[in-house]
Amino acid sequence: KSGHRLGNAILYSTRRFDLVRRWGFPLRQRTVDPLDTYGHVAVAALLVDRRTHVCFLVVSTHVAAHFQAPEIQQEQAWWLLRRVEALRSVIGNVPLIVAGDFNSVP
């Protein structure tokens, strides 16, 4: 649970992995977006593999679907990168998995 209105999930096998710590944070925007009524968030989990004892960080997010205003998505991606960098500065340079709905085309 992130404590925010729009939910994201990180699902993992509790038989294989242990949760070390989890975080939830908003994807703040520098500009006011009157269309963003959901309060987009990201969640992160530091997991450790019980077999290999390797720690890794998993991040899941849902970026706004503003195809007419891509700068909003860019700002949310910017915030996500800053938060991931901040987490890694505290927990170390562990392997990273980023997943989610980026509302983007390839």
C-alpha atoms as a PDB file:
ATOM      1  CA  LYS A   1       0.000   0.000   0.000  1.00  0.00           C
ATOM      2  CA  SER A   2       1.390   3.348  -0.990  1.00  0.00           C
ATOM      3  CA  GLY A   3      -1.016   5.518   0.977  1.00  0.00           C
ATOM      4  CA  HIS A   4      -2.100   7.226  -2.228  1.00  0.00           C
ATOM      5  CA  ARG A   5      -5.356   6.997  -4.155  1.00  0.00           C
ATOM      6  CA  LEU A   6      -4.106   5.308  -7.317  1.00  0.00           C
ATOM      7  CA  GLY A   7      -2.847   1.824  -6.568  1.00  0.00           C
ATOM      8  CA  ASN A   8       0.157   0.000  -7.968  1.00  0.00           C
ATOM      9  CA  ALA A   9       1.338  -3.438  -7.011  1.00  0.00           C
ATOM     10  CA  ILE A  10       4.538  -5.393  -6.796  1.00  0.00           C
ATOM     11  CA  LEU A  11       3.729  -9.074  -6.625  1.00  0.00           C
ATOM     12  CA  TYR A  12       6.387 -11.611  -5.673  1.00  0.00           C
ATOM     13  CA  SER A  13       6.720 -15.130  -4.322  1.00  0.00           C
ATOM     14  CA  THR A  14       7.105 -15.050  -0.546  1.00  0.00           C
ATOM     15  CA  ARG A  15       8.610 -18.530  -0.797  1.00  0.00           C
ATOM     16  CA  ARG A  16      11.468 -17.240  -2.950  1.00  0.00           C
ATOM     17  CA  PHE A  17      11.904 -13.605  -1.858  1.00  0.00           C
ATOM     18  CA  ASP A  18      11.934 -11.646   1.384  1.00  0.00           C
ATOM     19  CA  LEU A  19      10.760  -8.044   1.553  1.00  0.00           C
ATOM     20  CA  VAL A  20      13.498  -5.896   3.075  1.00  0.00           C
ATOM     21  CA  ARG A  21      11.729  -2.552   2.740  1.00  0.00           C
ATOM     22  CA  ARG A  22       9.016  -0.845   0.705  1.00  0.00           C
ATOM     23  CA  TRP A  23       8.252   2.727  -0.339  1.00  0.00           C
ATOM     24  CA  GLY A  24       5.414   4.632  -1.972  1.00  0.00           C
ATOM     25  CA  PHE A  25       5.761   8.099  -3.411  1.00  0.00           C
ATOM     26  CA  PRO A  26       3.795  10.510  -5.595  1.00  0.00           C
ATOM     27  CA  LEU A  27       4.933  11.493  -9.071  1.00  0.00           C
ATOM     28  CA  ARG A  28       4.783  15.192  -8.339  1.00  0.00           C
ATOM     29  CA  GLN A  29       4.492  17.667 -11.118  1.00  0.00           C
ATOM     30  CA  ARG A  30       5.999  21.123 -11.275  1.00  0.00           C
ATOM     31  CA  THR A  31       3.056  22.347 -13.317  1.00  0.00           C
ATOM     32  CA  VAL A  32      -0.539  22.193 -12.212  1.00  0.00           C
ATOM     33  CA  ASP A  33      -2.436  19.615 -14.237  1.00  0.00           C
ATOM     34  CA  PRO A  34      -6.214  20.110 -13.937  1.00  0.00           C
ATOM     35  CA  LEU A  35      -6.764  16.764 -15.696  1.00  0.00           C
ATOM     36  CA  ASP A  36      -4.711  14.739 -13.223  1.00  0.00           C
ATOM     37  CA  THR A  37      -7.311  13.827 -10.646  1.00  0.00           C
ATOM     38  CA  TYR A  38      -5.751  10.475  -9.741  1.00  0.00           C
ATOM     39  CA  GLY A  39      -2.560  11.495  -7.974  1.00  0.00           C
ATOM     40  CA  HIS A  40      -0.201   9.211  -9.890  1.00  0.00           C
ATOM     41  CA  VAL A  41       2.268   7.290  -7.750  1.00  0.00           C
ATOM     42  CA  ALA A  42       5.055   4.776  -7.833  1.00  0.00           C
ATOM     43  CA  VAL A  43       5.858   2.001  -5.391  1.00  0.00           C
ATOM     44  CA  ALA A  44       9.202   0.383  -4.744  1.00  0.00           C
ATOM     45  CA  ALA A  45      10.320  -2.734  -2.927  1.00  0.00           C
ATOM     46  CA  LEU A  46      13.760  -3.915  -1.928  1.00  0.00           C
ATOM     47  CA  LEU A  47      13.699  -7.694  -2.164  1.00  0.00           C
ATOM     48  CA  VAL A  48      16.271 -10.357  -1.355  1.00  0.00           C
ATOM     49  CA  ASP A  49      16.402 -13.724  -3.088  1.00  0.00           C
ATOM     50  CA  ARG A  50      16.398 -16.463  -0.452  1.00  0.00           C
ATOM     51  CA  ARG A  51      18.405 -18.802  -2.704  1.00  0.00           C
ATOM     52  CA  THR A  52      21.145 -16.457  -3.896  1.00  0.00           C
ATOM     53  CA  HIS A  53      20.981 -13.785  -1.153  1.00  0.00           C
ATOM     54  CA  VAL A  54      21.043 -11.112  -3.879  1.00  0.00           C
ATOM     55  CA  CYS A  55      19.127  -7.899  -3.167  1.00  0.00           C
ATOM     56  CA  PHE A  56      17.385  -5.968  -5.914  1.00  0.00           C
ATOM     57  CA  LEU A  57      15.030  -3.030  -6.220  1.00  0.00           C
ATOM     58  CA  VAL A  58      11.672  -3.306  -7.992  1.00  0.00           C
ATOM     59  CA  VAL A  59       9.731  -0.171  -8.964  1.00  0.00           C
ATOM     60  CA  SER A  60       6.186  -0.089 -10.348  1.00  0.00           C
ATOM     61  CA  THR A  61       4.400   2.987 -11.608  1.00  0.00           C
ATOM     62  CA  HIS A  62       1.452   4.280 -13.597  1.00  0.00           C
ATOM     63  CA  VAL A  63       2.239   7.403 -15.599  1.00  0.00           C
ATOM     64  CA  ALA A  64      -0.535   9.784 -16.634  1.00  0.00           C
ATOM     65  CA  ALA A  65      -2.176   9.215 -20.022  1.00  0.00           C
ATOM     66  CA  HIS A  66      -1.850  12.727 -21.415  1.00  0.00           C
ATOM     67  CA  PHE A  67      -1.128  12.160 -25.074  1.00  0.00           C
ATOM     68  CA  GLN A  68      -1.986  15.774 -25.894  1.00  0.00           C
ATOM     69  CA  ALA A  69       0.411  17.041 -23.213  1.00  0.00           C
ATOM     70  CA  PRO A  70       3.514  14.804 -23.234  1.00  0.00           C
ATOM     71  CA  GLU A  71       5.364  17.220 -20.958  1.00  0.00           C
ATOM     72  CA  ILE A  72       3.234  15.888 -18.074  1.00  0.00           C
ATOM     73  CA  GLN A  73       4.451  12.345 -18.726  1.00  0.00           C
ATOM     74  CA  GLN A  74       8.013  13.639 -19.045  1.00  0.00           C
ATOM     75  CA  GLU A  75       7.762  15.389 -15.690  1.00  0.00           C
ATOM     76  CA  GLN A  76       6.403  12.247 -14.038  1.00  0.00           C
ATOM     77  CA  ALA A  77       9.230  10.183 -15.562  1.00  0.00           C
ATOM     78  CA  TRP A  78      11.694  12.807 -14.297  1.00  0.00           C
ATOM     79  CA  TRP A  79      10.281  12.528 -10.765  1.00  0.00           C
ATOM     80  CA  LEU A  80      10.431   8.730 -10.963  1.00  0.00           C
ATOM     81  CA  LEU A  81      14.096   8.806 -11.977  1.00  0.00           C
ATOM     82  CA  ARG A  82      14.958  11.248  -9.181  1.00  0.00           C
ATOM     83  CA  ARG A  83      13.259   9.037  -6.578  1.00  0.00           C
ATOM     84  CA  VAL A  84      14.977   5.891  -7.883  1.00  0.00           C
ATOM     85  CA  GLU A  85      18.331   7.679  -7.779  1.00  0.00           C
ATOM     86  CA  ALA A  86      17.630   8.799  -4.199  1.00  0.00           C
ATOM     87  CA  LEU A  87      16.698   5.269  -3.130  1.00  0.00           C
ATOM     88  CA  ARG A  88      19.797   3.783  -4.733  1.00  0.00           C
ATOM     89  CA  SER A  89      21.996   6.381  -3.036  1.00  0.00           C
ATOM     90  CA  VAL A  90      20.744   5.022   0.303  1.00  0.00           C
ATOM     91  CA  ILE A  91      20.492   1.279  -0.409  1.00  0.00           C
ATOM     92  CA  GLY A  92      23.409   0.999  -2.815  1.00  0.00           C
ATOM     93  CA  ASN A  93      23.791   0.213  -6.472  1.00  0.00           C
ATOM     94  CA  VAL A  94      21.640  -2.920  -6.447  1.00  0.00           C
ATOM     95  CA  PRO A  95      20.076  -4.401  -9.594  1.00  0.00           C
ATOM     96  CA  LEU A  96      16.950  -2.523 -10.647  1.00  0.00           C
ATOM     97  CA  ILE A  97      13.690  -3.570 -12.303  1.00  0.00           C
ATOM     98  CA  VAL A  98      11.303  -0.819 -13.415  1.00  0.00           C
ATOM     99  CA  ALA A  99       7.845  -1.809 -14.633  1.00  0.00           C
ATOM    100  CA  GLY A 100       4.454  -0.249 -15.021  1.00  0.00           C
ATOM    101  CA  ASP A 101       1.976   1.421 -17.297  1.00  0.00           C
ATOM    102  CA  PHE A 102       3.881   4.246 -18.988  1.00  0.00           C
ATOM    103  CA  ASN A 103       0.996   5.147 -21.309  1.00  0.00           C
ATOM    104  CA  SER A 104       3.429   5.444 -24.163  1.00  0.00           C
ATOM    105  CA  VAL A 105       4.027   3.936 -27.558  1.00  0.00           C
ATOM    106  CA  PRO A 106       7.269   2.150 -28.486  1.00  0.00           C
END
